[in-house]
Amino acid sequence: MDIEAKAEGVQGQLAIGQTLKMLQALIT
């Protein structure tokens, strides 16, 4: 899974919930 690709184009700061989900997916 390419986490960077999912974060591209996101403007501003991610909500903590979004950040945690992305981190969980990366670790998994």
mmCIF file of all heavy atoms, coordinates in Angstrom:
data_MODEL
# 
_entry.id   MODEL 
# 
loop_
_atom_site.group_PDB 
_atom_site.id 
_atom_site.type_symbol 
_atom_site.label_atom_id 
_atom_site.label_alt_id 
_atom_site.label_comp_id 
_atom_site.label_asym_id 
_atom_site.label_entity_id 
_atom_site.label_seq_id 
_atom_site.pdbx_PDB_ins_code 
_atom_site.Cartn_x 
_atom_site.Cartn_y 
_atom_site.Cartn_z 
_atom_site.occupancy 
_atom_site.B_iso_or_equiv 
_atom_site.pdbx_formal_charge 
_atom_site.auth_seq_id 
_atom_site.auth_comp_id 
_atom_site.auth_asym_id 
_atom_site.auth_atom_id 
_atom_site.pdbx_PDB_model_num 
ATOM 1   N N   . MET A 1 1  ? 0.852   -1.179 0.000  1.00 0.00 ? 1  MET A N   1 
ATOM 2   C CA  . MET A 1 1  ? 0.000   0.000  0.000  1.00 0.00 ? 1  MET A CA  1 
ATOM 3   C C   . MET A 1 1  ? 0.890   1.231  0.000  1.00 0.00 ? 1  MET A C   1 
ATOM 4   O O   . MET A 1 1  ? 1.833   1.320  0.757  1.00 0.00 ? 1  MET A O   1 
ATOM 5   C CB  . MET A 1 1  ? -0.890  -0.015 1.233  1.00 0.00 ? 1  MET A CB  1 
ATOM 6   C CG  . MET A 1 1  ? -1.700  1.226  1.366  1.00 0.00 ? 1  MET A CG  1 
ATOM 7   S SD  . MET A 1 1  ? -2.720  1.253  2.847  1.00 0.00 ? 1  MET A SD  1 
ATOM 8   C CE  . MET A 1 1  ? -4.006  0.160  2.339  1.00 0.00 ? 1  MET A CE  1 
ATOM 9   N N   . ASP A 1 2  ? 0.568   2.214  -0.802 1.00 0.00 ? 2  ASP A N   1 
ATOM 10  C CA  . ASP A 1 2  ? 1.368   3.412  -0.899 1.00 0.00 ? 2  ASP A CA  1 
ATOM 11  C C   . ASP A 1 2  ? 0.687   4.531  -0.120 1.00 0.00 ? 2  ASP A C   1 
ATOM 12  O O   . ASP A 1 2  ? -0.214  5.203  -0.612 1.00 0.00 ? 2  ASP A O   1 
ATOM 13  C CB  . ASP A 1 2  ? 1.543   3.791  -2.374 1.00 0.00 ? 2  ASP A CB  1 
ATOM 14  C CG  . ASP A 1 2  ? 2.474   4.978  -2.543 1.00 0.00 ? 2  ASP A CG  1 
ATOM 15  O OD1 . ASP A 1 2  ? 3.258   5.263  -1.641 1.00 0.00 ? 2  ASP A OD1 1 
ATOM 16  O OD2 . ASP A 1 2  ? 2.398   5.604  -3.605 1.00 0.00 ? 2  ASP A OD2 1 
ATOM 17  N N   . ILE A 1 3  ? 1.121   4.721  1.127  1.00 0.00 ? 3  ILE A N   1 
ATOM 18  C CA  . ILE A 1 3  ? 0.514   5.721  1.997  1.00 0.00 ? 3  ILE A CA  1 
ATOM 19  C C   . ILE A 1 3  ? 0.771   7.128  1.483  1.00 0.00 ? 3  ILE A C   1 
ATOM 20  O O   . ILE A 1 3  ? -0.080  7.986  1.559  1.00 0.00 ? 3  ILE A O   1 
ATOM 21  C CB  . ILE A 1 3  ? 1.053   5.573  3.441  1.00 0.00 ? 3  ILE A CB  1 
ATOM 22  C CG1 . ILE A 1 3  ? 0.730   4.181  3.993  1.00 0.00 ? 3  ILE A CG1 1 
ATOM 23  C CG2 . ILE A 1 3  ? 0.497   6.644  4.351  1.00 0.00 ? 3  ILE A CG2 1 
ATOM 24  C CD1 . ILE A 1 3  ? -0.739  3.842  4.019  1.00 0.00 ? 3  ILE A CD1 1 
ATOM 25  N N   . GLU A 1 4  ? 1.954   7.378  0.942  1.00 0.00 ? 4  GLU A N   1 
ATOM 26  C CA  . GLU A 1 4  ? 2.259   8.713  0.417  1.00 0.00 ? 4  GLU A CA  1 
ATOM 27  C C   . GLU A 1 4  ? 1.257   9.132  -0.638 1.00 0.00 ? 4  GLU A C   1 
ATOM 28  O O   . GLU A 1 4  ? 0.828   10.267 -0.676 1.00 0.00 ? 4  GLU A O   1 
ATOM 29  C CB  . GLU A 1 4  ? 3.667   8.728  -0.188 1.00 0.00 ? 4  GLU A CB  1 
ATOM 30  C CG  . GLU A 1 4  ? 4.725   9.107  0.813  1.00 0.00 ? 4  GLU A CG  1 
ATOM 31  C CD  . GLU A 1 4  ? 6.077   9.237  0.150  1.00 0.00 ? 4  GLU A CD  1 
ATOM 32  O OE1 . GLU A 1 4  ? 6.168   9.836  -0.939 1.00 0.00 ? 4  GLU A OE1 1 
ATOM 33  O OE2 . GLU A 1 4  ? 7.030   8.735  0.739  1.00 0.00 ? 4  GLU A OE2 1 
ATOM 34  N N   . ALA A 1 5  ? 0.885   8.210  -1.497 1.00 0.00 ? 5  ALA A N   1 
ATOM 35  C CA  . ALA A 1 5  ? -0.062  8.538  -2.563 1.00 0.00 ? 5  ALA A CA  1 
ATOM 36  C C   . ALA A 1 5  ? -1.399  8.970  -1.974 1.00 0.00 ? 5  ALA A C   1 
ATOM 37  O O   . ALA A 1 5  ? -2.049  9.851  -2.502 1.00 0.00 ? 5  ALA A O   1 
ATOM 38  C CB  . ALA A 1 5  ? -0.254  7.331  -3.481 1.00 0.00 ? 5  ALA A CB  1 
ATOM 39  N N   . LYS A 1 6  ? -1.794  8.350  -0.857 1.00 0.00 ? 6  LYS A N   1 
ATOM 40  C CA  . LYS A 1 6  ? -3.067  8.732  -0.249 1.00 0.00 ? 6  LYS A CA  1 
ATOM 41  C C   . LYS A 1 6  ? -2.995  10.109 0.386  1.00 0.00 ? 6  LYS A C   1 
ATOM 42  O O   . LYS A 1 6  ? -3.988  10.788 0.506  1.00 0.00 ? 6  LYS A O   1 
ATOM 43  C CB  . LYS A 1 6  ? -3.474  7.697  0.801  1.00 0.00 ? 6  LYS A CB  1 
ATOM 44  C CG  . LYS A 1 6  ? -3.857  6.384  0.180  1.00 0.00 ? 6  LYS A CG  1 
ATOM 45  C CD  . LYS A 1 6  ? -4.489  5.482  1.202  1.00 0.00 ? 6  LYS A CD  1 
ATOM 46  C CE  . LYS A 1 6  ? -4.933  4.220  0.494  1.00 0.00 ? 6  LYS A CE  1 
ATOM 47  N NZ  . LYS A 1 6  ? -6.068  3.619  1.053  1.00 0.00 ? 6  LYS A NZ  1 
ATOM 48  N N   . ALA A 1 7  ? -1.809  10.517 0.828  1.00 0.00 ? 7  ALA A N   1 
ATOM 49  C CA  . ALA A 1 7  ? -1.671  11.815 1.486  1.00 0.00 ? 7  ALA A CA  1 
ATOM 50  C C   . ALA A 1 7  ? -1.483  12.952 0.490  1.00 0.00 ? 7  ALA A C   1 
ATOM 51  O O   . ALA A 1 7  ? -1.680  14.100 0.831  1.00 0.00 ? 7  ALA A O   1 
ATOM 52  C CB  . ALA A 1 7  ? -0.491  11.772 2.460  1.00 0.00 ? 7  ALA A CB  1 
ATOM 53  N N   . GLU A 1 8  ? -1.100  12.641 -0.753 1.00 0.00 ? 8  GLU A N   1 
ATOM 54  C CA  . GLU A 1 8  ? -0.894  13.691 -1.739 1.00 0.00 ? 8  GLU A CA  1 
ATOM 55  C C   . GLU A 1 8  ? -2.191  14.430 -2.012 1.00 0.00 ? 8  GLU A C   1 
ATOM 56  O O   . GLU A 1 8  ? -3.260  13.841 -2.050 1.00 0.00 ? 8  GLU A O   1 
ATOM 57  C CB  . GLU A 1 8  ? -0.373  13.093 -3.053 1.00 0.00 ? 8  GLU A CB  1 
ATOM 58  C CG  . GLU A 1 8  ? 1.068   12.681 -2.989 1.00 0.00 ? 8  GLU A CG  1 
ATOM 59  C CD  . GLU A 1 8  ? 1.537   12.038 -4.284 1.00 0.00 ? 8  GLU A CD  1 
ATOM 60  O OE1 . GLU A 1 8  ? 0.826   12.146 -5.307 1.00 0.00 ? 8  GLU A OE1 1 
ATOM 61  O OE2 . GLU A 1 8  ? 2.599   11.417 -4.247 1.00 0.00 ? 8  GLU A OE2 1 
ATOM 62  N N   . GLY A 1 9  ? -2.076  15.701 -2.213 1.00 0.00 ? 9  GLY A N   1 
ATOM 63  C CA  . GLY A 1 9  ? -3.248  16.495 -2.549 1.00 0.00 ? 9  GLY A CA  1 
ATOM 64  C C   . GLY A 1 9  ? -4.061  16.920 -1.342 1.00 0.00 ? 9  GLY A C   1 
ATOM 65  O O   . GLY A 1 9  ? -5.009  17.657 -1.474 1.00 0.00 ? 9  GLY A O   1 
ATOM 66  N N   . VAL A 1 10 ? -3.710  16.457 -0.154 1.00 0.00 ? 10 VAL A N   1 
ATOM 67  C CA  . VAL A 1 10 ? -4.449  16.853 1.039  1.00 0.00 ? 10 VAL A CA  1 
ATOM 68  C C   . VAL A 1 10 ? -3.984  18.244 1.430  1.00 0.00 ? 10 VAL A C   1 
ATOM 69  O O   . VAL A 1 10 ? -2.799  18.478 1.599  1.00 0.00 ? 10 VAL A O   1 
ATOM 70  C CB  . VAL A 1 10 ? -4.203  15.849 2.197  1.00 0.00 ? 10 VAL A CB  1 
ATOM 71  C CG1 . VAL A 1 10 ? -4.880  16.343 3.465  1.00 0.00 ? 10 VAL A CG1 1 
ATOM 72  C CG2 . VAL A 1 10 ? -4.703  14.472 1.823  1.00 0.00 ? 10 VAL A CG2 1 
ATOM 73  N N   . GLN A 1 11 ? -4.917  19.163 1.512  1.00 0.00 ? 11 GLN A N   1 
ATOM 74  C CA  . GLN A 1 11 ? -4.595  20.539 1.867  1.00 0.00 ? 11 GLN A CA  1 
ATOM 75  C C   . GLN A 1 11 ? -4.718  20.705 3.380  1.00 0.00 ? 11 GLN A C   1 
ATOM 76  O O   . GLN A 1 11 ? -5.640  20.211 3.987  1.00 0.00 ? 11 GLN A O   1 
ATOM 77  C CB  . GLN A 1 11 ? -5.568  21.504 1.175  1.00 0.00 ? 11 GLN A CB  1 
ATOM 78  C CG  . GLN A 1 11 ? -5.491  21.451 -0.322 1.00 0.00 ? 11 GLN A CG  1 
ATOM 79  C CD  . GLN A 1 11 ? -4.175  22.019 -0.836 1.00 0.00 ? 11 GLN A CD  1 
ATOM 80  O OE1 . GLN A 1 11 ? -3.676  22.990 -0.299 1.00 0.00 ? 11 GLN A OE1 1 
ATOM 81  N NE2 . GLN A 1 11 ? -3.628  21.409 -1.868 1.00 0.00 ? 11 GLN A NE2 1 
ATOM 82  N N   . GLY A 1 12 ? -3.773  21.402 3.969  1.00 0.00 ? 12 GLY A N   1 
ATOM 83  C CA  . GLY A 1 12 ? -3.866  21.698 5.397  1.00 0.00 ? 12 GLY A CA  1 
ATOM 84  C C   . GLY A 1 12 ? -3.502  20.504 6.249  1.00 0.00 ? 12 GLY A C   1 
ATOM 85  O O   . GLY A 1 12 ? -2.889  19.548 5.797  1.00 0.00 ? 12 GLY A O   1 
ATOM 86  N N   . GLN A 1 13 ? -3.931  20.567 7.495  1.00 0.00 ? 13 GLN A N   1 
ATOM 87  C CA  . GLN A 1 13 ? -3.592  19.559 8.478  1.00 0.00 ? 13 GLN A CA  1 
ATOM 88  C C   . GLN A 1 13 ? -4.623  18.429 8.464  1.00 0.00 ? 13 GLN A C   1 
ATOM 89  O O   . GLN A 1 13 ? -5.819  18.668 8.317  1.00 0.00 ? 13 GLN A O   1 
ATOM 90  C CB  . GLN A 1 13 ? -3.593  20.214 9.854  1.00 0.00 ? 13 GLN A CB  1 
ATOM 91  C CG  . GLN A 1 13 ? -2.570  19.689 10.771 1.00 0.00 ? 13 GLN A CG  1 
ATOM 92  C CD  . GLN A 1 13 ? -2.526  20.538 12.041 1.00 0.00 ? 13 GLN A CD  1 
ATOM 93  O OE1 . GLN A 1 13 ? -3.410  21.349 12.291 1.00 0.00 ? 13 GLN A OE1 1 
ATOM 94  N NE2 . GLN A 1 13 ? -1.514  20.329 12.821 1.00 0.00 ? 13 GLN A NE2 1 
ATOM 95  N N   . LEU A 1 14 ? -4.137  17.192 8.588  1.00 0.00 ? 14 LEU A N   1 
ATOM 96  C CA  . LEU A 1 14 ? -5.039  16.053 8.682  1.00 0.00 ? 14 LEU A CA  1 
ATOM 97  C C   . LEU A 1 14 ? -5.610  15.971 10.086 1.00 0.00 ? 14 LEU A C   1 
ATOM 98  O O   . LEU A 1 14 ? -4.923  16.280 11.060 1.00 0.00 ? 14 LEU A O   1 
ATOM 99  C CB  . LEU A 1 14 ? -4.287  14.751 8.379  1.00 0.00 ? 14 LEU A CB  1 
ATOM 100 C CG  . LEU A 1 14 ? -3.830  14.530 6.946  1.00 0.00 ? 14 LEU A CG  1 
ATOM 101 C CD1 . LEU A 1 14 ? -2.996  13.262 6.857  1.00 0.00 ? 14 LEU A CD1 1 
ATOM 102 C CD2 . LEU A 1 14 ? -5.021  14.430 6.019  1.00 0.00 ? 14 LEU A CD2 1 
ATOM 103 N N   . ALA A 1 15 ? -6.835  15.520 10.196 1.00 0.00 ? 15 ALA A N   1 
ATOM 104 C CA  . ALA A 1 15 ? -7.427  15.291 11.505 1.00 0.00 ? 15 ALA A CA  1 
ATOM 105 C C   . ALA A 1 15 ? -6.686  14.134 12.167 1.00 0.00 ? 15 ALA A C   1 
ATOM 106 O O   . ALA A 1 15 ? -6.155  13.256 11.488 1.00 0.00 ? 15 ALA A O   1 
ATOM 107 C CB  . ALA A 1 15 ? -8.908  14.966 11.355 1.00 0.00 ? 15 ALA A CB  1 
ATOM 108 N N   . ILE A 1 16 ? -6.662  14.125 13.487 1.00 0.00 ? 16 ILE A N   1 
ATOM 109 C CA  . ILE A 1 16 ? -5.933  13.089 14.214 1.00 0.00 ? 16 ILE A CA  1 
ATOM 110 C C   . ILE A 1 16 ? -6.448  11.699 13.849 1.00 0.00 ? 16 ILE A C   1 
ATOM 111 O O   . ILE A 1 16 ? -5.667  10.765 13.715 1.00 0.00 ? 16 ILE A O   1 
ATOM 112 C CB  . ILE A 1 16 ? -5.983  13.336 15.747 1.00 0.00 ? 16 ILE A CB  1 
ATOM 113 C CG1 . ILE A 1 16 ? -5.050  12.371 16.497 1.00 0.00 ? 16 ILE A CG1 1 
ATOM 114 C CG2 . ILE A 1 16 ? -7.389  13.177 16.279 1.00 0.00 ? 16 ILE A CG2 1 
ATOM 115 C CD1 . ILE A 1 16 ? -3.609  12.687 16.343 1.00 0.00 ? 16 ILE A CD1 1 
ATOM 116 N N   . GLY A 1 17 ? -7.737  11.552 13.649 1.00 0.00 ? 17 GLY A N   1 
ATOM 117 C CA  . GLY A 1 17 ? -8.301  10.258 13.261 1.00 0.00 ? 17 GLY A CA  1 
ATOM 118 C C   . GLY A 1 17 ? -7.768  9.779  11.923 1.00 0.00 ? 17 GLY A C   1 
ATOM 119 O O   . GLY A 1 17 ? -7.440  8.602  11.750 1.00 0.00 ? 17 GLY A O   1 
ATOM 120 N N   . GLN A 1 18 ? -7.672  10.696 10.958 1.00 0.00 ? 18 GLN A N   1 
ATOM 121 C CA  . GLN A 1 18 ? -7.129  10.349 9.647  1.00 0.00 ? 18 GLN A CA  1 
ATOM 122 C C   . GLN A 1 18 ? -5.660  9.963  9.756  1.00 0.00 ? 18 GLN A C   1 
ATOM 123 O O   . GLN A 1 18 ? -5.216  9.001  9.141  1.00 0.00 ? 18 GLN A O   1 
ATOM 124 C CB  . GLN A 1 18 ? -7.272  11.524 8.683  1.00 0.00 ? 18 GLN A CB  1 
ATOM 125 C CG  . GLN A 1 18 ? -8.689  11.862 8.316  1.00 0.00 ? 18 GLN A CG  1 
ATOM 126 C CD  . GLN A 1 18 ? -8.739  13.155 7.525  1.00 0.00 ? 18 GLN A CD  1 
ATOM 127 O OE1 . GLN A 1 18 ? -8.224  14.186 7.958  1.00 0.00 ? 18 GLN A OE1 1 
ATOM 128 N NE2 . GLN A 1 18 ? -9.360  13.087 6.355  1.00 0.00 ? 18 GLN A NE2 1 
ATOM 129 N N   . THR A 1 19 ? -4.910  10.716 10.531 1.00 0.00 ? 19 THR A N   1 
ATOM 130 C CA  . THR A 1 19 ? -3.488  10.433 10.706 1.00 0.00 ? 19 THR A CA  1 
ATOM 131 C C   . THR A 1 19 ? -3.288  9.064  11.342 1.00 0.00 ? 19 THR A C   1 
ATOM 132 O O   . THR A 1 19 ? -2.436  8.276  10.900 1.00 0.00 ? 19 THR A O   1 
ATOM 133 C CB  . THR A 1 19 ? -2.829  11.528 11.572 1.00 0.00 ? 19 THR A CB  1 
ATOM 134 O OG1 . THR A 1 19 ? -3.072  12.791 10.964 1.00 0.00 ? 19 THR A OG1 1 
ATOM 135 C CG2 . THR A 1 19 ? -1.334  11.290 11.711 1.00 0.00 ? 19 THR A CG2 1 
ATOM 136 N N   . LEU A 1 20 ? -4.076  8.756  12.364 1.00 0.00 ? 20 LEU A N   1 
ATOM 137 C CA  . LEU A 1 20 ? -3.951  7.463  13.035 1.00 0.00 ? 20 LEU A CA  1 
ATOM 138 C C   . LEU A 1 20 ? -4.297  6.304  12.099 1.00 0.00 ? 20 LEU A C   1 
ATOM 139 O O   . LEU A 1 20 ? -3.629  5.264  12.113 1.00 0.00 ? 20 LEU A O   1 
ATOM 140 C CB  . LEU A 1 20 ? -4.821  7.427  14.290 1.00 0.00 ? 20 LEU A CB  1 
ATOM 141 C CG  . LEU A 1 20 ? -4.347  8.305  15.440 1.00 0.00 ? 20 LEU A CG  1 
ATOM 142 C CD1 . LEU A 1 20 ? -5.356  8.286  16.584 1.00 0.00 ? 20 LEU A CD1 1 
ATOM 143 C CD2 . LEU A 1 20 ? -2.967  7.905  15.923 1.00 0.00 ? 20 LEU A CD2 1 
ATOM 144 N N   . LYS A 1 21 ? -5.326  6.476  11.276 1.00 0.00 ? 21 LYS A N   1 
ATOM 145 C CA  . LYS A 1 21 ? -5.690  5.430  10.316 1.00 0.00 ? 21 LYS A CA  1 
ATOM 146 C C   . LYS A 1 21 ? -4.581  5.212  9.297  1.00 0.00 ? 21 LYS A C   1 
ATOM 147 O O   . LYS A 1 21 ? -4.272  4.074  8.927  1.00 0.00 ? 21 LYS A O   1 
ATOM 148 C CB  . LYS A 1 21 ? -7.008  5.773  9.611  1.00 0.00 ? 21 LYS A CB  1 
ATOM 149 C CG  . LYS A 1 21 ? -8.218  5.545  10.482 1.00 0.00 ? 21 LYS A CG  1 
ATOM 150 C CD  . LYS A 1 21 ? -9.497  5.863  9.744  1.00 0.00 ? 21 LYS A CD  1 
ATOM 151 C CE  . LYS A 1 21 ? -10.683 5.685  10.674 1.00 0.00 ? 21 LYS A CE  1 
ATOM 152 N NZ  . LYS A 1 21 ? -11.936 5.934  10.016 1.00 0.00 ? 21 LYS A NZ  1 
ATOM 153 N N   . MET A 1 22 ? -3.979  6.297  8.831  1.00 0.00 ? 22 MET A N   1 
ATOM 154 C CA  . MET A 1 22 ? -2.886  6.165  7.871  1.00 0.00 ? 22 MET A CA  1 
ATOM 155 C C   . MET A 1 22 ? -1.674  5.488  8.511  1.00 0.00 ? 22 MET A C   1 
ATOM 156 O O   . MET A 1 22 ? -1.040  4.621  7.901  1.00 0.00 ? 22 MET A O   1 
ATOM 157 C CB  . MET A 1 22 ? -2.497  7.543  7.326  1.00 0.00 ? 22 MET A CB  1 
ATOM 158 C CG  . MET A 1 22 ? -3.550  8.129  6.403  1.00 0.00 ? 22 MET A CG  1 
ATOM 159 S SD  . MET A 1 22 ? -3.189  9.818  5.896  1.00 0.00 ? 22 MET A SD  1 
ATOM 160 C CE  . MET A 1 22 ? -1.689  9.572  4.974  1.00 0.00 ? 22 MET A CE  1 
ATOM 161 N N   . LEU A 1 23 ? -1.374  5.846  9.747  1.00 0.00 ? 23 LEU A N   1 
ATOM 162 C CA  . LEU A 1 23 ? -0.255  5.231  10.458 1.00 0.00 ? 23 LEU A CA  1 
ATOM 163 C C   . LEU A 1 23 ? -0.513  3.747  10.694 1.00 0.00 ? 23 LEU A C   1 
ATOM 164 O O   . LEU A 1 23 ? 0.367   2.914  10.511 1.00 0.00 ? 23 LEU A O   1 
ATOM 165 C CB  . LEU A 1 23 ? -0.013  5.952  11.781 1.00 0.00 ? 23 LEU A CB  1 
ATOM 166 C CG  . LEU A 1 23 ? 1.152   5.441  12.618 1.00 0.00 ? 23 LEU A CG  1 
ATOM 167 C CD1 . LEU A 1 23 ? 2.467   5.543  11.857 1.00 0.00 ? 23 LEU A CD1 1 
ATOM 168 C CD2 . LEU A 1 23 ? 1.229   6.225  13.930 1.00 0.00 ? 23 LEU A CD2 1 
ATOM 169 N N   . GLN A 1 24 ? -1.726  3.408  11.073 1.00 0.00 ? 24 GLN A N   1 
ATOM 170 C CA  . GLN A 1 24 ? -2.092  2.006  11.285 1.00 0.00 ? 24 GLN A CA  1 
ATOM 171 C C   . GLN A 1 24 ? -1.927  1.208  9.992  1.00 0.00 ? 24 GLN A C   1 
ATOM 172 O O   . GLN A 1 24 ? -1.384  0.104  9.992  1.00 0.00 ? 24 GLN A O   1 
ATOM 173 C CB  . GLN A 1 24 ? -3.523  1.905  11.801 1.00 0.00 ? 24 GLN A CB  1 
ATOM 174 C CG  . GLN A 1 24 ? -3.947  0.483  12.103 1.00 0.00 ? 24 GLN A CG  1 
ATOM 175 C CD  . GLN A 1 24 ? -5.376  0.428  12.625 1.00 0.00 ? 24 GLN A CD  1 
ATOM 176 O OE1 . GLN A 1 24 ? -6.108  1.421  12.629 1.00 0.00 ? 24 GLN A OE1 1 
ATOM 177 N NE2 . GLN A 1 24 ? -5.778  -0.748 13.066 1.00 0.00 ? 24 GLN A NE2 1 
ATOM 178 N N   . ALA A 1 25 ? -2.383  1.754  8.879  1.00 0.00 ? 25 ALA A N   1 
ATOM 179 C CA  . ALA A 1 25 ? -2.257  1.073  7.592  1.00 0.00 ? 25 ALA A CA  1 
ATOM 180 C C   . ALA A 1 25 ? -0.786  0.887  7.218  1.00 0.00 ? 25 ALA A C   1 
ATOM 181 O O   . ALA A 1 25 ? -0.389  -0.181 6.721  1.00 0.00 ? 25 ALA A O   1 
ATOM 182 C CB  . ALA A 1 25 ? -2.984  1.853  6.504  1.00 0.00 ? 25 ALA A CB  1 
ATOM 183 N N   . LEU A 1 26 ? 0.028   1.895  7.473  1.00 0.00 ? 26 LEU A N   1 
ATOM 184 C CA  . LEU A 1 26 ? 1.458   1.817  7.175  1.00 0.00 ? 26 LEU A CA  1 
ATOM 185 C C   . LEU A 1 26 ? 2.128   0.721  8.007  1.00 0.00 ? 26 LEU A C   1 
ATOM 186 O O   . LEU A 1 26 ? 2.879   -0.104 7.479  1.00 0.00 ? 26 LEU A O   1 
ATOM 187 C CB  . LEU A 1 26 ? 2.128   3.166  7.447  1.00 0.00 ? 26 LEU A CB  1 
ATOM 188 C CG  . LEU A 1 26 ? 3.650   3.206  7.275  1.00 0.00 ? 26 LEU A CG  1 
ATOM 189 C CD1 . LEU A 1 26 ? 4.014   2.994  5.812  1.00 0.00 ? 26 LEU A CD1 1 
ATOM 190 C CD2 . LEU A 1 26 ? 4.199   4.521  7.786  1.00 0.00 ? 26 LEU A CD2 1 
ATOM 191 N N   . ILE A 1 27 ? 1.859   0.689  9.291  1.00 0.00 ? 27 ILE A N   1 
ATOM 192 C CA  . ILE A 1 27 ? 2.458   -0.316 10.172 1.00 0.00 ? 27 ILE A CA  1 
ATOM 193 C C   . ILE A 1 27 ? 1.977   -1.716 9.797  1.00 0.00 ? 27 ILE A C   1 
ATOM 194 O O   . ILE A 1 27 ? 2.764   -2.661 9.742  1.00 0.00 ? 27 ILE A O   1 
ATOM 195 C CB  . ILE A 1 27 ? 2.155   0.011  11.648 1.00 0.00 ? 27 ILE A CB  1 
ATOM 196 C CG1 . ILE A 1 27 ? 2.918   1.271  12.047 1.00 0.00 ? 27 ILE A CG1 1 
ATOM 197 C CG2 . ILE A 1 27 ? 2.516   -1.154 12.563 1.00 0.00 ? 27 ILE A CG2 1 
ATOM 198 C CD1 . ILE A 1 27 ? 2.523   1.835  13.392 1.00 0.00 ? 27 ILE A CD1 1 
ATOM 199 N N   . THR A 1 28 ? 0.698   -1.861 9.532  1.00 0.00 ? 28 THR A N   1 
ATOM 200 C CA  . THR A 1 28 ? 0.148   -3.159 9.144  1.00 0.00 ? 28 THR A CA  1 
ATOM 201 C C   . THR A 1 28 ? 0.816   -3.664 7.877  1.00 0.00 ? 28 THR A C   1 
ATOM 202 O O   . THR A 1 28 ? 1.218   -4.831 7.794  1.00 0.00 ? 28 THR A O   1 
ATOM 203 C CB  . THR A 1 28 ? -1.378  -3.055 8.940  1.00 0.00 ? 28 THR A CB  1 
ATOM 204 O OG1 . THR A 1 28 ? -1.967  -2.655 10.178 1.00 0.00 ? 28 THR A OG1 1 
ATOM 205 C CG2 . THR A 1 28 ? -1.970  -4.376 8.503  1.00 0.00 ? 28 THR A CG2 1 
# 
